[in-house]
Amino acid sequence: RGETLGLVGESGSGKSTVARMILGLIEPDSGT
């Protein structure tokens, strides 16, 4: 809470997928 986490990587590395999982826009296959 209150921090900035930077998620860095080249295009296609999966960064936006992580964002969409947090937002609940896509369902993971597994995990929480």
All heavy atoms as atom14 arrays in JSON, in Angstrom:
{
  "sequence": "RGETLGLVGESGSGKSTVARMILGLIEPDSGT",
  "atom14_mask": [
    [1, 1, 1, 1, 1, 1, 1, 1, 1, 1, 1, 0, 0, 0],
    [1, 1, 1, 1, 0, 0, 0, 0, 0, 0, 0, 0, 0, 0],
    [1, 1, 1, 1, 1, 1, 1, 1, 1, 0, 0, 0, 0, 0],
    [1, 1, 1, 1, 1, 1, 1, 0, 0, 0, 0, 0, 0, 0],
    [1, 1, 1, 1, 1, 1, 1, 1, 0, 0, 0, 0, 0, 0],
    [1, 1, 1, 1, 0, 0, 0, 0, 0, 0, 0, 0, 0, 0],
    [1, 1, 1, 1, 1, 1, 1, 1, 0, 0, 0, 0, 0, 0],
    [1, 1, 1, 1, 1, 1, 1, 0, 0, 0, 0, 0, 0, 0],
    [1, 1, 1, 1, 0, 0, 0, 0, 0, 0, 0, 0, 0, 0],
    [1, 1, 1, 1, 1, 1, 1, 1, 1, 0, 0, 0, 0, 0],
    [1, 1, 1, 1, 1, 1, 0, 0, 0, 0, 0, 0, 0, 0],
    [1, 1, 1, 1, 0, 0, 0, 0, 0, 0, 0, 0, 0, 0],
    [1, 1, 1, 1, 1, 1, 0, 0, 0, 0, 0, 0, 0, 0],
    [1, 1, 1, 1, 0, 0, 0, 0, 0, 0, 0, 0, 0, 0],
    [1, 1, 1, 1, 1, 1, 1, 1, 1, 0, 0, 0, 0, 0],
    [1, 1, 1, 1, 1, 1, 0, 0, 0, 0, 0, 0, 0, 0],
    [1, 1, 1, 1, 1, 1, 1, 0, 0, 0, 0, 0, 0, 0],
    [1, 1, 1, 1, 1, 1, 1, 0, 0, 0, 0, 0, 0, 0],
    [1, 1, 1, 1, 1, 0, 0, 0, 0, 0, 0, 0, 0, 0],
    [1, 1, 1, 1, 1, 1, 1, 1, 1, 1, 1, 0, 0, 0],
    [1, 1, 1, 1, 1, 1, 1, 1, 0, 0, 0, 0, 0, 0],
    [1, 1, 1, 1, 1, 1, 1, 1, 0, 0, 0, 0, 0, 0],
    [1, 1, 1, 1, 1, 1, 1, 1, 0, 0, 0, 0, 0, 0],
    [1, 1, 1, 1, 0, 0, 0, 0, 0, 0, 0, 0, 0, 0],
    [1, 1, 1, 1, 1, 1, 1, 1, 0, 0, 0, 0, 0, 0],
    [1, 1, 1, 1, 1, 1, 1, 1, 0, 0, 0, 0, 0, 0],
    [1, 1, 1, 1, 1, 1, 1, 1, 1, 0, 0, 0, 0, 0],
    [1, 1, 1, 1, 1, 1, 1, 0, 0, 0, 0, 0, 0, 0],
    [1, 1, 1, 1, 1, 1, 1, 1, 0, 0, 0, 0, 0, 0],
    [1, 1, 1, 1, 1, 1, 0, 0, 0, 0, 0, 0, 0, 0],
    [1, 1, 1, 1, 0, 0, 0, 0, 0, 0, 0, 0, 0, 0],
    [1, 1, 1, 1, 1, 1, 1, 0, 0, 0, 0, 0, 0, 0]
  ],
  "atom14_positions": [
    [[0.83, -1.19, 0.0], [0.0, 0.0, 0.0], [0.88, 1.26, 0.0], [1.8, 1.39, 0.79], [-0.9, -0.01, 1.24], [-1.98, 1.08, 1.24], [-2.78, 1.0, 2.52], [-3.44, -0.28, 2.66], [-4.63, -0.58, 2.11], [-5.27, 0.34, 1.39], [-5.18, -1.77, 2.3], [0.0, 0.0, 0.0], [0.0, 0.0, 0.0], [0.0, 0.0, 0.0]],
    [[0.59, 2.17, -0.93], [1.31, 3.43, -1.0], [2.59, 3.42, -1.81], [3.2, 4.47, -2.01], [0.0, 0.0, 0.0], [0.0, 0.0, 0.0], [0.0, 0.0, 0.0], [0.0, 0.0, 0.0], [0.0, 0.0, 0.0], [0.0, 0.0, 0.0], [0.0, 0.0, 0.0], [0.0, 0.0, 0.0], [0.0, 0.0, 0.0], [0.0, 0.0, 0.0]],
    [[3.01, 2.27, -2.32], [4.25, 2.21, -3.08], [3.97, 2.24, -4.58], [2.83, 2.11, -5.04], [5.04, 0.93, -2.75], [4.53, -0.31, -3.46], [5.58, -1.43, -3.57], [6.77, -1.13, -3.7], [5.17, -2.61, -3.55], [0.0, 0.0, 0.0], [0.0, 0.0, 0.0], [0.0, 0.0, 0.0], [0.0, 0.0, 0.0], [0.0, 0.0, 0.0]],
    [[5.03, 2.4, -5.36], [4.99, 2.2, -6.8], [5.83, 0.99, -7.13], [7.03, 0.97, -6.84], [5.53, 3.41, -7.57], [4.7, 4.54, -7.3], [5.53, 3.15, -9.06], [0.0, 0.0, 0.0], [0.0, 0.0, 0.0], [0.0, 0.0, 0.0], [0.0, 0.0, 0.0], [0.0, 0.0, 0.0], [0.0, 0.0, 0.0], [0.0, 0.0, 0.0]],
    [[5.2, -0.03, -7.71], [5.93, -1.17, -8.24], [6.04, -0.98, -9.74], [5.04, -0.85, -10.44], [5.21, -2.48, -7.94], [5.85, -3.72, -8.58], [7.2, -4.02, -7.94], [4.94, -4.94, -8.48], [0.0, 0.0, 0.0], [0.0, 0.0, 0.0], [0.0, 0.0, 0.0], [0.0, 0.0, 0.0], [0.0, 0.0, 0.0], [0.0, 0.0, 0.0]],
    [[7.27, -0.95, -10.23], [7.51, -0.88, -11.66], [7.61, -2.28, -12.25], [8.35, -3.12, -11.73], [0.0, 0.0, 0.0], [0.0, 0.0, 0.0], [0.0, 0.0, 0.0], [0.0, 0.0, 0.0], [0.0, 0.0, 0.0], [0.0, 0.0, 0.0], [0.0, 0.0, 0.0], [0.0, 0.0, 0.0], [0.0, 0.0, 0.0], [0.0, 0.0, 0.0]],
    [[6.84, -2.53, -13.3], [6.89, -3.82, -14.0], [7.46, -3.55, -15.38], [6.84, -2.88, -16.21], [5.48, -4.42, -14.09], [5.36, -5.8, -14.75], [6.22, -6.84, -14.01], [3.89, -6.24, -14.79], [0.0, 0.0, 0.0], [0.0, 0.0, 0.0], [0.0, 0.0, 0.0], [0.0, 0.0, 0.0], [0.0, 0.0, 0.0], [0.0, 0.0, 0.0]],
    [[8.66, -4.03, -15.61], [9.4, -3.68, -16.82], [9.73, -4.93, -17.61], [9.97, -6.0, -17.06], [10.68, -2.88, -16.46], [11.65, -3.73, -15.67], [11.33, -2.3, -17.71], [0.0, 0.0, 0.0], [0.0, 0.0, 0.0], [0.0, 0.0, 0.0], [0.0, 0.0, 0.0], [0.0, 0.0, 0.0], [0.0, 0.0, 0.0], [0.0, 0.0, 0.0]],
    [[9.73, -4.77, -18.93], [10.07, -5.87, -19.83], [9.76, -5.46, -21.25], [9.04, -4.48, -21.49], [0.0, 0.0, 0.0], [0.0, 0.0, 0.0], [0.0, 0.0, 0.0], [0.0, 0.0, 0.0], [0.0, 0.0, 0.0], [0.0, 0.0, 0.0], [0.0, 0.0, 0.0], [0.0, 0.0, 0.0], [0.0, 0.0, 0.0], [0.0, 0.0, 0.0]],
    [[10.27, -6.22, -22.21], [10.05, -5.89, -23.61], [8.6, -6.15, -23.99], [7.85, -6.8, -23.26], [11.0, -6.72, -24.48], [10.79, -8.22, -24.35], [11.95, -9.02, -24.92], [12.9, -8.41, -25.43], [11.9, -10.26, -24.84], [0.0, 0.0, 0.0], [0.0, 0.0, 0.0], [0.0, 0.0, 0.0], [0.0, 0.0, 0.0], [0.0, 0.0, 0.0]],
    [[8.2, -5.64, -25.14], [6.84, -5.86, -25.64], [6.59, -7.36, -25.8], [7.45, -8.1, -26.29], [6.66, -5.16, -26.98], [6.78, -3.77, -26.84], [0.0, 0.0, 0.0], [0.0, 0.0, 0.0], [0.0, 0.0, 0.0], [0.0, 0.0, 0.0], [0.0, 0.0, 0.0], [0.0, 0.0, 0.0], [0.0, 0.0, 0.0], [0.0, 0.0, 0.0]],
    [[5.41, -7.8, -25.37], [5.07, -9.22, -25.45], [5.55, -10.05, -24.29], [5.38, -11.28, -24.3], [0.0, 0.0, 0.0], [0.0, 0.0, 0.0], [0.0, 0.0, 0.0], [0.0, 0.0, 0.0], [0.0, 0.0, 0.0], [0.0, 0.0, 0.0], [0.0, 0.0, 0.0], [0.0, 0.0, 0.0], [0.0, 0.0, 0.0], [0.0, 0.0, 0.0]],
    [[6.11, -9.41, -23.26], [6.63, -10.19, -22.13], [5.56, -10.63, -21.15], [5.82, -11.45, -20.28], [7.7, -9.37, -21.39], [7.15, -8.16, -20.88], [0.0, 0.0, 0.0], [0.0, 0.0, 0.0], [0.0, 0.0, 0.0], [0.0, 0.0, 0.0], [0.0, 0.0, 0.0], [0.0, 0.0, 0.0], [0.0, 0.0, 0.0], [0.0, 0.0, 0.0]],
    [[4.35, -10.07, -21.27], [3.26, -10.49, -20.39], [2.83, -9.45, -19.38], [1.98, -9.7, -18.53], [0.0, 0.0, 0.0], [0.0, 0.0, 0.0], [0.0, 0.0, 0.0], [0.0, 0.0, 0.0], [0.0, 0.0, 0.0], [0.0, 0.0, 0.0], [0.0, 0.0, 0.0], [0.0, 0.0, 0.0], [0.0, 0.0, 0.0], [0.0, 0.0, 0.0]],
    [[3.39, -8.24, -19.48], [3.1, -7.2, -18.49], [1.63, -6.82, -18.46], [1.01, -6.72, -17.39], [3.96, -5.95, -18.78], [5.45, -6.2, -18.87], [6.24, -4.92, -19.05], [5.87, -4.12, -20.29], [6.16, -4.83, -21.55], [0.0, 0.0, 0.0], [0.0, 0.0, 0.0], [0.0, 0.0, 0.0], [0.0, 0.0, 0.0], [0.0, 0.0, 0.0]],
    [[1.04, -6.59, -19.64], [-0.36, -6.2, -19.7], [-1.28, -7.33, -19.25], [-2.36, -7.07, -18.71], [-0.73, -5.74, -21.11], [-0.05, -4.55, -21.44], [0.0, 0.0, 0.0], [0.0, 0.0, 0.0], [0.0, 0.0, 0.0], [0.0, 0.0, 0.0], [0.0, 0.0, 0.0], [0.0, 0.0, 0.0], [0.0, 0.0, 0.0], [0.0, 0.0, 0.0]],
    [[-0.86, -8.56, -19.47], [-1.65, -9.7, -18.98], [-1.73, -9.68, -17.47], [-2.8, -9.93, -16.89], [-1.02, -11.02, -19.48], [-1.07, -11.05, -20.91], [-1.78, -12.22, -18.92], [0.0, 0.0, 0.0], [0.0, 0.0, 0.0], [0.0, 0.0, 0.0], [0.0, 0.0, 0.0], [0.0, 0.0, 0.0], [0.0, 0.0, 0.0], [0.0, 0.0, 0.0]],
    [[-0.63, -9.37, -16.81], [-0.64, -9.27, -15.35], [-1.6, -8.17, -14.91], [-2.39, -8.35, -13.97], [0.79, -8.98, -14.82], [0.77, -8.63, -13.34], [1.69, -10.19, -15.07], [0.0, 0.0, 0.0], [0.0, 0.0, 0.0], [0.0, 0.0, 0.0], [0.0, 0.0, 0.0], [0.0, 0.0, 0.0], [0.0, 0.0, 0.0], [0.0, 0.0, 0.0]],
    [[-1.57, -7.03, -15.61], [-2.47, -5.93, -15.27], [-3.92, -6.36, -15.4], [-4.76, -6.07, -14.52], [-2.19, -4.73, -16.17], [0.0, 0.0, 0.0], [0.0, 0.0, 0.0], [0.0, 0.0, 0.0], [0.0, 0.0, 0.0], [0.0, 0.0, 0.0], [0.0, 0.0, 0.0], [0.0, 0.0, 0.0], [0.0, 0.0, 0.0], [0.0, 0.0, 0.0]],
    [[-4.25, -7.05, -16.46], [-5.64, -7.45, -16.69], [-6.1, -8.5, -15.69], [-7.28, -8.56, -15.34], [-5.8, -7.95, -18.13], [-5.62, -6.84, -19.16], [-5.94, -7.31, -20.56], [-5.79, -6.22, -21.52], [-4.76, -6.06, -22.34], [-3.77, -6.94, -22.31], [-4.69, -5.05, -23.17], [0.0, 0.0, 0.0], [0.0, 0.0, 0.0], [0.0, 0.0, 0.0]],
    [[-5.17, -9.33, -15.22], [-5.55, -10.3, -14.18], [-5.88, -9.59, -12.88], [-6.83, -9.95, -12.18], [-4.43, -11.34, -13.99], [-4.3, -12.32, -15.14], [-3.24, -13.76, -14.78], [-1.64, -12.98, -14.56], [0.0, 0.0, 0.0], [0.0, 0.0, 0.0], [0.0, 0.0, 0.0], [0.0, 0.0, 0.0], [0.0, 0.0, 0.0], [0.0, 0.0, 0.0]],
    [[-5.1, -8.58, -12.52], [-5.37, -7.82, -11.3], [-6.72, -7.13, -11.39], [-7.51, -7.12, -10.44], [-4.25, -6.8, -11.04], [-2.93, -7.51, -10.75], [-4.62, -5.89, -9.85], [-1.73, -6.58, -10.7], [0.0, 0.0, 0.0], [0.0, 0.0, 0.0], [0.0, 0.0, 0.0], [0.0, 0.0, 0.0], [0.0, 0.0, 0.0], [0.0, 0.0, 0.0]],
    [[-7.01, -6.55, -12.56], [-8.26, -5.83, -12.76], [-9.47, -6.76, -12.89], [-10.61, -6.29, -12.88], [-8.16, -4.96, -14.02], [-7.23, -3.75, -13.92], [-6.91, -3.22, -15.31], [-7.87, -2.65, -13.06], [0.0, 0.0, 0.0], [0.0, 0.0, 0.0], [0.0, 0.0, 0.0], [0.0, 0.0, 0.0], [0.0, 0.0, 0.0], [0.0, 0.0, 0.0]],
    [[-9.22, -8.05, -13.01], [-10.32, -9.0, -13.18], [-10.9, -9.01, -14.58], [-12.0, -9.5, -14.81], [0.0, 0.0, 0.0], [0.0, 0.0, 0.0], [0.0, 0.0, 0.0], [0.0, 0.0, 0.0], [0.0, 0.0, 0.0], [0.0, 0.0, 0.0], [0.0, 0.0, 0.0], [0.0, 0.0, 0.0], [0.0, 0.0, 0.0], [0.0, 0.0, 0.0]],
    [[-10.13, -8.5, -15.55], [-10.6, -8.46, -16.93], [-10.38, -9.79, -17.63], [-11.08, -10.09, -18.62], [-9.89, -7.34, -17.7], [-10.13, -5.92, -17.16], [-9.33, -4.91, -17.97], [-11.61, -5.58, -17.18], [0.0, 0.0, 0.0], [0.0, 0.0, 0.0], [0.0, 0.0, 0.0], [0.0, 0.0, 0.0], [0.0, 0.0, 0.0], [0.0, 0.0, 0.0]],
    [[-9.42, -10.57, -17.18], [-9.22, -11.93, -17.68], [-9.0, -12.85, -16.48], [-8.5, -12.43, -15.44], [-8.04, -12.04, -18.66], [-6.72, -11.6, -18.01], [-8.3, -11.25, -19.93], [-5.5, -11.83, -18.88], [0.0, 0.0, 0.0], [0.0, 0.0, 0.0], [0.0, 0.0, 0.0], [0.0, 0.0, 0.0], [0.0, 0.0, 0.0], [0.0, 0.0, 0.0]],
    [[-9.37, -14.11, -16.65], [-9.18, -15.11, -15.6], [-7.87, -15.85, -15.82], [-7.59, -16.32, -16.92], [-10.32, -16.12, -15.59], [-11.61, -15.63, -14.99], [-12.58, -16.79, -14.74], [-12.3, -17.92, -15.2], [-13.6, -16.54, -14.1], [0.0, 0.0, 0.0], [0.0, 0.0, 0.0], [0.0, 0.0, 0.0], [0.0, 0.0, 0.0], [0.0, 0.0, 0.0]],
    [[-7.05, -15.99, -14.78], [-5.88, -16.86, -14.9], [-6.32, -18.32, -15.09], [-7.44, -18.7, -14.74], [-5.16, -16.69, -13.55], [-5.74, -15.45, -12.94], [-7.14, -15.35, -13.47], [0.0, 0.0, 0.0], [0.0, 0.0, 0.0], [0.0, 0.0, 0.0], [0.0, 0.0, 0.0], [0.0, 0.0, 0.0], [0.0, 0.0, 0.0], [0.0, 0.0, 0.0]],
    [[-5.43, -19.13, -15.63], [-5.69, -20.58, -15.69], [-5.56, -21.18, -14.29], [-6.24, -22.16, -13.95], [-4.68, -21.27, -16.62], [-4.76, -20.75, -18.04], [-5.82, -20.21, -18.42], [-3.75, -20.87, -18.76], [0.0, 0.0, 0.0], [0.0, 0.0, 0.0], [0.0, 0.0, 0.0], [0.0, 0.0, 0.0], [0.0, 0.0, 0.0], [0.0, 0.0, 0.0]],
    [[-4.67, -20.6, -13.49], [-4.41, -21.11, -12.15], [-3.77, -20.01, -11.33], [-3.4, -18.96, -11.84], [-3.48, -22.33, -12.21], [-2.24, -21.98, -12.82], [0.0, 0.0, 0.0], [0.0, 0.0, 0.0], [0.0, 0.0, 0.0], [0.0, 0.0, 0.0], [0.0, 0.0, 0.0], [0.0, 0.0, 0.0], [0.0, 0.0, 0.0], [0.0, 0.0, 0.0]],
    [[-3.65, -20.26, -10.02], [-3.06, -19.28, -9.12], [-4.13, -18.43, -8.47], [-5.34, -18.64, -8.67], [0.0, 0.0, 0.0], [0.0, 0.0, 0.0], [0.0, 0.0, 0.0], [0.0, 0.0, 0.0], [0.0, 0.0, 0.0], [0.0, 0.0, 0.0], [0.0, 0.0, 0.0], [0.0, 0.0, 0.0], [0.0, 0.0, 0.0], [0.0, 0.0, 0.0]],
    [[-3.7, -17.46, -7.68], [-4.64, -16.58, -6.98], [-4.23, -15.12, -7.19], [-3.05, -14.81, -7.35], [-4.68, -16.86, -5.46], [-3.36, -16.7, -4.91], [-5.18, -18.27, -5.18], [0.0, 0.0, 0.0], [0.0, 0.0, 0.0], [0.0, 0.0, 0.0], [0.0, 0.0, 0.0], [0.0, 0.0, 0.0], [0.0, 0.0, 0.0], [0.0, 0.0, 0.0]]
  ]
}
